[in-house]
PDB file of N, CA and C in Angstrom:
ATOM      1  N   MET A   1      -6.275  -7.940  14.653  1.00  0.00           N
ATOM      2  CA  MET A   1      -5.361  -8.988  14.261  1.00  0.00           C
ATOM      3  C   MET A   1      -4.001  -8.707  14.903  1.00  0.00           C
ATOM      4  N   ILE A   2      -3.525  -9.625  15.710  1.00  0.00           N
ATOM      5  CA  ILE A   2      -2.267  -9.437  16.429  1.00  0.00           C
ATOM      6  C   ILE A   2      -1.131 -10.112  15.663  1.00  0.00           C
ATOM      7  N   VAL A   3      -0.049  -9.367  15.439  1.00  0.00           N
ATOM      8  CA  VAL A   3       1.098  -9.840  14.674  1.00  0.00           C
ATOM      9  C   VAL A   3       2.318  -9.865  15.594  1.00  0.00           C
ATOM     10  N   PRO A   4       3.148 -10.921  15.543  1.00  0.00           N
ATOM     11  CA  PRO A   4       4.340 -10.954  16.404  1.00  0.00           C
ATOM     12  C   PRO A   4       5.369  -9.907  15.977  1.00  0.00           C
ATOM     13  N   LYS A   5       6.244  -9.491  16.917  1.00  0.00           N
ATOM     14  CA  LYS A   5       7.255  -8.467  16.620  1.00  0.00           C
ATOM     15  C   LYS A   5       8.366  -9.009  15.733  1.00  0.00           C
ATOM     16  N   ILE A   6       8.672 -10.310  15.866  1.00  0.00           N
ATOM     17  CA  ILE A   6       9.692 -10.952  15.025  1.00  0.00           C
ATOM     18  C   ILE A   6       9.060 -12.154  14.357  1.00  0.00           C
ATOM     19  N   LYS A   7       9.297 -12.297  13.043  1.00  0.00           N
ATOM     20  CA  LYS A   7       8.650 -13.353  12.273  1.00  0.00           C
ATOM     21  C   LYS A   7       9.674 -13.978  11.344  1.00  0.00           C
ATOM     22  N   ASN A   8       9.674 -15.293  11.244  1.00  0.00           N
ATOM     23  CA  ASN A   8      10.525 -15.964  10.269  1.00  0.00           C
ATOM     24  C   ASN A   8       9.828 -15.921   8.920  1.00  0.00           C
ATOM     25  N   ALA A   9      10.524 -15.409   7.909  1.00  0.00           N
ATOM     26  CA  ALA A   9       9.924 -15.280   6.590  1.00  0.00           C
ATOM     27  C   ALA A   9      11.020 -15.356   5.534  1.00  0.00           C
ATOM     28  N   TYR A  10      10.611 -15.517   4.286  1.00  0.00           N
ATOM     29  CA  TYR A  10      11.559 -15.586   3.173  1.00  0.00           C
ATOM     30  C   TYR A  10      12.025 -14.175   2.819  1.00  0.00           C
ATOM     31  N   CYS A  11      13.337 -14.005   2.689  1.00  0.00           N
ATOM     32  CA  CYS A  11      13.902 -12.717   2.278  1.00  0.00           C
ATOM     33  C   CYS A  11      14.323 -12.829   0.813  1.00  0.00           C
ATOM     34  N   PRO A  12      13.726 -12.037  -0.092  1.00  0.00           N
ATOM     35  CA  PRO A  12      14.091 -12.130  -1.507  1.00  0.00           C
ATOM     36  C   PRO A  12      15.512 -11.639  -1.801  1.00  0.00           C
ATOM     37  N   HIS A  13      16.089 -10.853  -0.888  1.00  0.00           N
ATOM     38  CA  HIS A  13      17.447 -10.349  -1.105  1.00  0.00           C
ATOM     39  C   HIS A  13      18.487 -11.391  -0.699  1.00  0.00           C
ATOM     40  N   CYS A  14      18.285 -12.002   0.481  1.00  0.00           N
ATOM     41  CA  CYS A  14      19.199 -13.070   0.949  1.00  0.00           C
ATOM     42  C   CYS A  14      18.912 -14.393   0.239  1.00  0.00           C
ATOM     43  N   ARG A  15      17.679 -14.540  -0.248  1.00  0.00           N
ATOM     44  CA  ARG A  15      17.179 -15.804  -0.816  1.00  0.00           C
ATOM     45  C   ARG A  15      17.201 -16.931   0.221  1.00  0.00           C
ATOM     46  N   LYS A  16      16.856 -16.572   1.468  1.00  0.00           N
ATOM     47  CA  LYS A  16      16.800 -17.550   2.553  1.00  0.00           C
ATOM     48  C   LYS A  16      15.623 -17.211   3.457  1.00  0.00           C
ATOM     49  N   ASN A  17      15.241 -18.175   4.282  1.00  0.00           N
ATOM     50  CA  ASN A  17      14.277 -17.903   5.347  1.00  0.00           C
ATOM     51  C   ASN A  17      15.056 -17.387   6.546  1.00  0.00           C
ATOM     52  N   THR A  18      14.803 -16.140   6.918  1.00  0.00           N
ATOM     53  CA  THR A  18      15.501 -15.534   8.046  1.00  0.00           C
ATOM     54  C   THR A  18      14.480 -14.853   8.958  1.00  0.00           C
ATOM     55  N   SER A  19      14.933 -14.428  10.132  1.00  0.00           N
ATOM     56  CA  SER A  19      14.023 -13.708  11.025  1.00  0.00           C
ATOM     57  C   SER A  19      13.921 -12.251  10.570  1.00  0.00           C
ATOM     58  N   HIS A  20      12.731 -11.701  10.701  1.00  0.00           N
ATOM     59  CA  HIS A  20      12.444 -10.339  10.259  1.00  0.00           C
ATOM     60  C   HIS A  20      11.797  -9.558  11.393  1.00  0.00           C
ATOM     61  N   LYS A  21      12.139  -8.258  11.507  1.00  0.00           N
ATOM     62  CA  LYS A  21      11.416  -7.359  12.398  1.00  0.00           C
ATOM     63  C   LYS A  21      10.133  -6.950  11.676  1.00  0.00           C
ATOM     64  N   VAL A  22       9.046  -6.834  12.412  1.00  0.00           N
ATOM     65  CA  VAL A  22       7.744  -6.535  11.810  1.00  0.00           C
ATOM     66  C   VAL A  22       7.295  -5.137  12.209  1.00  0.00           C
ATOM     67  N   LYS A  23       6.775  -4.395  11.234  1.00  0.00           N
ATOM     68  CA  LYS A  23       6.190  -3.082  11.488  1.00  0.00           C
ATOM     69  C   LYS A  23       4.875  -3.023  10.713  1.00  0.00           C
ATOM     70  N   VAL A  24       3.810  -2.548  11.352  1.00  0.00           N
ATOM     71  CA  VAL A  24       2.508  -2.466  10.694  1.00  0.00           C
ATOM     72  C   VAL A  24       2.497  -1.244   9.783  1.00  0.00           C
ATOM     73  N   SER A  25       2.127  -1.448   8.521  1.00  0.00           N
ATOM     74  CA  SER A  25       2.128  -0.321   7.573  1.00  0.00           C
ATOM     75  C   SER A  25       0.841  -0.294   6.769  1.00  0.00           C
ATOM     76  N   THR A  26      -0.290  -0.508   7.428  1.00  0.00           N
ATOM     77  CA  THR A  26      -1.578  -0.494   6.741  1.00  0.00           C
ATOM     78  C   THR A  26      -1.859   0.918   6.237  1.00  0.00           C
ATOM     79  N   SER A  27      -2.180   1.031   4.945  1.00  0.00           N
ATOM     80  CA  SER A  27      -2.450   2.353   4.393  1.00  0.00           C
ATOM     81  C   SER A  27      -3.416   2.249   3.236  1.00  0.00           C
ATOM     82  N   LYS A  28      -4.111   3.336   2.956  1.00  0.00           N
ATOM     83  CA  LYS A  28      -5.017   3.380   1.815  1.00  0.00           C
ATOM     84  C   LYS A  28      -4.197   3.649   0.558  1.00  0.00           C
ATOM     85  N   TYR A  29      -4.833   3.508  -0.596  1.00  0.00           N
ATOM     86  CA  TYR A  29      -4.123   3.745  -1.842  1.00  0.00           C
ATOM     87  C   TYR A  29      -3.772   5.216  -1.986  1.00  0.00           C
ATOM     88  N   LYS A  30      -2.713   5.504  -2.700  1.00  0.00           N
ATOM     89  CA  LYS A  30      -2.214   6.863  -2.860  1.00  0.00           C
ATOM     90  C   LYS A  30      -2.994   7.579  -3.965  1.00  0.00           C
ATOM     91  N   PRO A  31      -3.061   8.915  -3.901  1.00  0.00           N
ATOM     92  CA  PRO A  31      -3.704   9.644  -4.999  1.00  0.00           C
ATOM     93  C   PRO A  31      -2.858   9.569  -6.262  1.00  0.00           C
ATOM     94  N   GLY A  32      -3.469   9.833  -7.411  1.00  0.00           N
ATOM     95  CA  GLY A  32      -2.769   9.730  -8.683  1.00  0.00           C
ATOM     96  C   GLY A  32      -1.688  10.785  -8.845  1.00  0.00           C
ATOM     97  N   ARG A  33      -0.861  10.594  -9.883  1.00  0.00           N
ATOM     98  CA  ARG A  33       0.228  11.548 -10.151  1.00  0.00           C
ATOM     99  C   ARG A  33      -0.343  12.822 -10.761  1.00  0.00           C
ATOM    100  N   THR A  34       0.068  13.972 -10.265  1.00  0.00           N
ATOM    101  CA  THR A  34      -0.473  15.243 -10.760  1.00  0.00           C
ATOM    102  C   THR A  34       0.102  15.616 -12.122  1.00  0.00           C
ATOM    103  N   MET A  35       1.290  15.110 -12.457  1.00  0.00           N
ATOM    104  CA  MET A  35       1.895  15.462 -13.738  1.00  0.00           C
ATOM    105  C   MET A  35       1.614  14.426 -14.826  1.00  0.00           C
ATOM    106  N   ALA A  36       0.746  13.459 -14.561  1.00  0.00           N
ATOM    107  CA  ALA A  36       0.386  12.466 -15.574  1.00  0.00           C
ATOM    108  C   ALA A  36      -0.388  13.144 -16.699  1.00  0.00           C
ATOM    109  N   TRP A  37      -0.288  12.592 -17.921  1.00  0.00           N
ATOM    110  CA  TRP A  37      -0.894  13.216 -19.089  1.00  0.00           C
ATOM    111  C   TRP A  37      -2.404  13.363 -18.936  1.00  0.00           C
ATOM    112  N   GLY A  38      -3.072  12.321 -18.465  1.00  0.00           N
ATOM    113  CA  GLY A  38      -4.523  12.355 -18.325  1.00  0.00           C
ATOM    114  C   GLY A  38      -4.982  13.372 -17.285  1.00  0.00           C
ATOM    115  N   THR A  39      -4.234  13.501 -16.203  1.00  0.00           N
ATOM    116  CA  THR A  39      -4.582  14.461 -15.153  1.00  0.00           C
ATOM    117  C   THR A  39      -4.457  15.884 -15.680  1.00  0.00           C
ATOM    118  N   ARG A  40      -3.379  16.145 -16.413  1.00  0.00           N
ATOM    119  CA  ARG A  40      -3.165  17.496 -16.960  1.00  0.00           C
ATOM    120  C   ARG A  40      -4.232  17.835 -18.001  1.00  0.00           C
ATOM    121  N   LYS A  41      -4.611  16.843 -18.818  1.00  0.00           N
ATOM    122  CA  LYS A  41      -5.655  17.043 -19.819  1.00  0.00           C
ATOM    123  C   LYS A  41      -6.981  17.383 -19.142  1.00  0.00           C
ATOM    124  N   HIS A  42      -7.291  16.667 -18.057  1.00  0.00           N
ATOM    125  CA  HIS A  42      -8.525  16.900 -17.318  1.00  0.00           C
ATOM    126  C   HIS A  42      -8.522  18.297 -16.704  1.00  0.00           C
ATOM    127  N   GLU A  43      -7.382  18.705 -16.144  1.00  0.00           N
ATOM    128  CA  GLU A  43      -7.268  20.044 -15.539  1.00  0.00           C
ATOM    129  C   GLU A  43      -7.465  21.139 -16.593  1.00  0.00           C
ATOM    130  N   ARG A  44      -6.910  20.937 -17.801  1.00  0.00           N
ATOM    131  CA  ARG A  44      -7.088  21.925 -18.879  1.00  0.00           C
ATOM    132  C   ARG A  44      -8.563  22.061 -19.238  1.00  0.00           C
ATOM    133  N   LYS A  45      -9.249  20.914 -19.287  1.00  0.00           N
ATOM    134  CA  LYS A  45     -10.674  20.951 -19.619  1.00  0.00           C
ATOM    135  C   LYS A  45     -11.459  21.673 -18.520  1.00  0.00           C
ATOM    136  N   LEU A  46     -11.108  21.423 -17.261  1.00  0.00           N
ATOM    137  CA  LEU A  46     -11.796  22.094 -16.161  1.00  0.00           C
ATOM    138  C   LEU A  46     -11.546  23.597 -16.185  1.00  0.00           C
ATOM    139  N   ALA A  47     -10.385  23.992 -16.701  1.00  0.00           N
ATOM    140  CA  ALA A  47     -10.037  25.415 -16.764  1.00  0.00           C
ATOM    141  C   ALA A  47     -10.823  26.140 -17.846  1.00  0.00           C
ATOM    142  N   GLY A  48     -11.507  25.399 -18.754  1.00  0.00           N
ATOM    143  CA  GLY A  48     -12.351  26.066 -19.739  1.00  0.00           C
ATOM    144  C   GLY A  48     -11.996  25.790 -21.185  1.00  0.00           C
ATOM    145  N   PHE A  49     -10.931  25.065 -21.445  1.00  0.00           N
ATOM    146  CA  PHE A  49     -10.593  24.716 -22.813  1.00  0.00           C
ATOM    147  C   PHE A  49     -11.461  23.537 -23.241  1.00  0.00           C
ATOM    148  N   HIS A  50     -11.801  23.453 -24.520  1.00  0.00           N
ATOM    149  CA  HIS A  50     -12.599  22.362 -25.104  1.00  0.00           C
ATOM    150  C   HIS A  50     -14.030  22.374 -24.570  1.00  0.00           C
ATOM    151  N   GLY A  51     -14.719  21.265 -24.712  1.00  0.00           N
ATOM    152  CA  GLY A  51     -16.141  21.195 -24.354  1.00  0.00           C
ATOM    153  C   GLY A  51     -16.349  20.856 -22.888  1.00  0.00           C
ATOM    154  N   LYS A  52     -17.548  20.386 -22.597  1.00  0.00           N
ATOM    155  CA  LYS A  52     -17.917  20.059 -21.224  1.00  0.00           C
ATOM    156  C   LYS A  52     -17.195  18.786 -20.793  1.00  0.00           C
ATOM    157  N   VAL A  53     -16.844  18.724 -19.523  1.00  0.00           N
ATOM    158  CA  VAL A  53     -16.110  17.581 -18.996  1.00  0.00           C
ATOM    159  C   VAL A  53     -17.054  16.668 -18.237  1.00  0.00           C
ATOM    160  N   LYS A  54     -16.902  15.384 -18.486  1.00  0.00           N
ATOM    161  CA  LYS A  54     -17.653  14.416 -17.696  1.00  0.00           C
ATOM    162  C   LYS A  54     -16.917  14.266 -16.366  1.00  0.00           C
ATOM    163  N   GLY A  55     -17.651  14.273 -15.266  1.00  0.00           N
ATOM    164  CA  GLY A  55     -17.033  14.151 -13.952  1.00  0.00           C
ATOM    165  C   GLY A  55     -16.533  12.742 -13.697  1.00  0.00           C
ATOM    166  N   LYS A  56     -15.915  12.537 -12.536  1.00  0.00           N
ATOM    167  CA  LYS A  56     -15.428  11.210 -12.190  1.00  0.00           C
ATOM    168  C   LYS A  56     -16.608  10.296 -11.896  1.00  0.00           C
ATOM    169  N   ALA A  57     -16.523   9.060 -12.360  1.00  0.00           N
ATOM    170  CA  ALA A  57     -17.590   8.095 -12.126  1.00  0.00           C
ATOM    171  C   ALA A  57     -17.565   7.661 -10.668  1.00  0.00           C
ATOM    172  N   LYS A  58     -18.736   7.439 -10.095  1.00  0.00           N
ATOM    173  CA  LYS A  58     -18.823   6.935  -8.723  1.00  0.00           C
ATOM    174  C   LYS A  58     -18.436   5.467  -8.742  1.00  0.00           C
ATOM    175  N   THR A  59     -17.444   5.109  -7.960  1.00  0.00           N
ATOM    176  CA  THR A  59     -17.014   3.722  -7.910  1.00  0.00           C
ATOM    177  C   THR A  59     -17.217   3.178  -6.511  1.00  0.00           C
ATOM    178  N   LYS A  60     -17.344   1.871  -6.430  1.00  0.00           N
ATOM    179  CA  LYS A  60     -17.478   1.237  -5.127  1.00  0.00           C
ATOM    180  C   LYS A  60     -16.126   1.299  -4.441  1.00  0.00           C
ATOM    181  N   LYS A  61     -16.105   1.753  -3.200  1.00  0.00           N
ATOM    182  CA  LYS A  61     -14.837   1.913  -2.499  1.00  0.00           C
ATOM    183  C   LYS A  61     -14.234   0.552  -2.183  1.00  0.00           C
ATOM    184  N   GLN A  62     -12.944   0.446  -2.405  1.00  0.00           N
ATOM    185  CA  GLN A  62     -12.243  -0.772  -2.052  1.00  0.00           C
ATOM    186  C   GLN A  62     -11.893  -0.742  -0.581  1.00  0.00           C
ATOM    187  N   GLY A  63     -11.880  -1.907   0.027  1.00  0.00           N
ATOM    188  CA  GLY A  63     -11.477  -1.969   1.429  1.00  0.00           C
ATOM    189  C   GLY A  63      -9.974  -1.807   1.552  1.00  0.00           C
ATOM    190  N   VAL A  64      -9.510  -1.523   2.723  1.00  0.00           N
ATOM    191  CA  VAL A  64      -8.085  -1.370   2.976  1.00  0.00           C
ATOM    192  C   VAL A  64      -7.504  -2.738   3.287  1.00  0.00           C
ATOM    193  N   ARG A  65      -6.288  -2.992   2.804  1.00  0.00           N
ATOM    194  CA  ARG A  65      -5.650  -4.280   3.056  1.00  0.00           C
ATOM    195  C   ARG A  65      -4.661  -4.152   4.211  1.00  0.00           C
ATOM    196  N   ASN A  66      -4.585  -5.201   5.013  1.00  0.00           N
ATOM    197  CA  ASN A  66      -3.631  -5.232   6.118  1.00  0.00           C
ATOM    198  C   ASN A  66      -2.246  -5.540   5.571  1.00  0.00           C
ATOM    199  N   LYS A  67      -1.307  -4.631   5.785  1.00  0.00           N
ATOM    200  CA  LYS A  67       0.054  -4.843   5.297  1.00  0.00           C
ATOM    201  C   LYS A  67       1.028  -4.761   6.463  1.00  0.00           C
ATOM    202  N   ILE A  68       2.116  -5.520   6.358  1.00  0.00           N
ATOM    203  CA  ILE A  68       3.193  -5.399   7.335  1.00  0.00           C
ATOM    204  C   ILE A  68       4.498  -5.186   6.581  1.00  0.00           C
ATOM    205  N   MET A  69       5.384  -4.407   7.183  1.00  0.00           N
ATOM    206  CA  MET A  69       6.713  -4.173   6.623  1.00  0.00           C
ATOM    207  C   MET A  69       7.670  -5.108   7.335  1.00  0.00           C
ATOM    208  N   LEU A  70       8.368  -5.935   6.568  1.00  0.00           N
ATOM    209  CA  LEU A  70       9.317  -6.892   7.140  1.00  0.00           C
ATOM    210  C   LEU A  70      10.726  -6.398   6.883  1.00  0.00           C
ATOM    211  N   GLU A  71      11.550  -6.319   7.944  1.00  0.00           N
ATOM    212  CA  GLU A  71      12.944  -5.912   7.798  1.00  0.00           C
ATOM    213  C   GLU A  71      13.828  -7.089   8.181  1.00  0.00           C
ATOM    214  N   CYS A  72      14.636  -7.537   7.233  1.00  0.00           N
ATOM    215  CA  CYS A  72      15.504  -8.696   7.460  1.00  0.00           C
ATOM    216  C   CYS A  72      16.586  -8.335   8.479  1.00  0.00           C
ATOM    217  N   THR A  73      16.819  -9.230   9.450  1.00  0.00           N
ATOM    218  CA  THR A  73      17.832  -8.964  10.466  1.00  0.00           C
ATOM    219  C   THR A  73      19.237  -9.260   9.951  1.00  0.00           C
ATOM    220  N   VAL A  74      19.355  -9.999   8.826  1.00  0.00           N
ATOM    221  CA  VAL A  74      20.667 -10.327   8.267  1.00  0.00           C
ATOM    222  C   VAL A  74      21.153  -9.214   7.336  1.00  0.00           C
ATOM    223  N   CYS A  75      20.331  -8.861   6.336  1.00  0.00           N
ATOM    224  CA  CYS A  75      20.783  -7.879   5.332  1.00  0.00           C
ATOM    225  C   CYS A  75      20.148  -6.500   5.508  1.00  0.00           C
ATOM    226  N   ASN A  76      19.229  -6.334   6.465  1.00  0.00           N
ATOM    227  CA  ASN A  76      18.555  -5.065   6.761  1.00  0.00           C
ATOM    228  C   ASN A  76      17.770  -4.477   5.593  1.00  0.00           C
ATOM    229  N   LYS A  77      17.369  -5.306   4.630  1.00  0.00           N
ATOM    230  CA  LYS A  77      16.514  -4.844   3.536  1.00  0.00           C
ATOM    231  C   LYS A  77      15.062  -5.000   3.966  1.00  0.00           C
ATOM    232  N   LYS A  78      14.189  -4.122   3.440  1.00  0.00           N
ATOM    233  CA  LYS A  78      12.781  -4.156   3.811  1.00  0.00           C
ATOM    234  C   LYS A  78      11.932  -4.593   2.630  1.00  0.00           C
ATOM    235  N   HIS A  79      10.893  -5.335   2.909  1.00  0.00           N
ATOM    236  CA  HIS A  79       9.880  -5.627   1.905  1.00  0.00           C
ATOM    237  C   HIS A  79       8.518  -5.730   2.580  1.00  0.00           C
ATOM    238  N   GLU A  80       7.470  -5.485   1.787  1.00  0.00           N
ATOM    239  CA  GLU A  80       6.126  -5.400   2.324  1.00  0.00           C
ATOM    240  C   GLU A  80       5.378  -6.685   2.037  1.00  0.00           C
ATOM    241  N   ARG A  81       4.441  -7.025   2.907  1.00  0.00           N
ATOM    242  CA  ARG A  81       3.627  -8.225   2.697  1.00  0.00           C
ATOM    243  C   ARG A  81       2.196  -7.944   3.134  1.00  0.00           C
ATOM    244  N   VAL A  82       1.244  -8.404   2.322  1.00  0.00           N
ATOM    245  CA  VAL A  82      -0.170  -8.316   2.679  1.00  0.00           C
ATOM    246  C   VAL A  82      -0.488  -9.547   3.514  1.00  0.00           C
ATOM    247  N   ILE A  83      -1.009  -9.344   4.734  1.00  0.00           N
ATOM    248  CA  ILE A  83      -1.239 -10.493   5.614  1.00  0.00           C
ATOM    249  C   ILE A  83      -2.678 -10.963   5.595  1.00  0.00           C
ATOM    250  N   SER A  84      -3.600 -10.162   5.081  1.00  0.00           N
ATOM    251  CA  SER A  84      -4.972 -10.627   4.891  1.00  0.00           C
ATOM    252  C   SER A  84      -5.554  -9.824   3.744  1.00  0.00           C
ATOM    253  N   GLY A  85      -6.666 -10.269   3.207  1.00  0.00           N
ATOM    254  CA  GLY A  85      -7.272  -9.557   2.087  1.00  0.00           C
ATOM    255  C   GLY A  85      -7.837  -8.226   2.539  1.00  0.00           C
ATOM    256  N   ARG A  86      -9.136  -8.087   2.510  1.00  0.00           N
ATOM    257  CA  ARG A  86      -9.779  -6.854   2.957  1.00  0.00           C
ATOM    258  C   ARG A  86      -9.779  -6.797   4.479  1.00  0.00           C
ATOM    259  N   MET A  87      -9.579  -5.612   5.014  1.00  0.00           N
ATOM    260  CA  MET A  87      -9.371  -5.467   6.450  1.00  0.00           C
ATOM    261  C   MET A  87     -10.688  -5.548   7.219  1.00  0.00           C
ATOM    262  N   LYS A  88     -10.717  -6.403   8.219  1.00  0.00           N
ATOM    263  CA  LYS A  88     -11.815  -6.428   9.169  1.00  0.00           C
ATOM    264  C   LYS A  88     -11.328  -5.819  10.484  1.00  0.00           C
ATOM    265  N   LYS A  89     -10.168  -6.287  10.962  1.00  0.00           N
ATOM    266  CA  LYS A  89      -9.536  -5.699  12.143  1.00  0.00           C
ATOM    267  C   LYS A  89      -8.137  -5.258  11.768  1.00  0.00           C
ATOM    268  N   LYS A  90      -7.748  -4.066  12.217  1.00  0.00           N
ATOM    269  CA  LYS A  90      -6.428  -3.550  11.891  1.00  0.00           C
ATOM    270  C   LYS A  90      -5.347  -4.347  12.600  1.00  0.00           C
ATOM    271  N   ALA A  91      -4.233  -4.573  11.905  1.00  0.00           N
ATOM    272  CA  ALA A  91      -3.129  -5.320  12.477  1.00  0.00           C
ATOM    273  C   ALA A  91      -2.460  -4.507  13.578  1.00  0.00           C
ATOM    274  N   GLU A  92      -2.044  -5.193  14.627  1.00  0.00           N
ATOM    275  CA  GLU A  92      -1.306  -4.540  15.716  1.00  0.00           C
ATOM    276  C   GLU A  92      -0.240  -5.501  16.209  1.00  0.00           C
ATOM    277  N   LEU A  93       0.868  -4.944  16.696  1.00  0.00           N
ATOM    278  CA  LEU A  93       1.969  -5.773  17.173  1.00  0.00           C
ATOM    279  C   LEU A  93       1.657  -6.373  18.528  1.00  0.00           C
ATOM    280  N   ALA A  94       2.167  -7.590  18.760  1.00  0.00           N
ATOM    281  CA  ALA A  94       1.979  -8.267  20.048  1.00  0.00           C
ATOM    282  C   ALA A  94       2.779  -7.533  21.124  1.00  0.00           C
ATOM    283  N   LYS A  95       2.300  -7.592  22.356  1.00  0.00           N
ATOM    284  CA  LYS A  95       2.990  -6.892  23.451  1.00  0.00           C
ATOM    285  C   LYS A  95       3.997  -7.762  24.111  1.00  0.00           C
TER     286      LYS A  95
END
């Protein structure tokens, strides 16, 4: 999927349609927080406290979404936009 280097889009900071610089930022989801309560509880159980631990359930993998980072040329604020649902072809900038 070919994306232009400059795109006219709505800027939520300016509240106007302005030109934006485009950068491809397709990425998979991030791992969970290590200091979250549930993660720490699970780690304690794995260390031997309490009873047997049920492992993680096998889940169907989600596809990666094509995302682009838009930088407003007026106010220089950045915001992200999903340009297609599940990825078939990775986004790339036009030459």
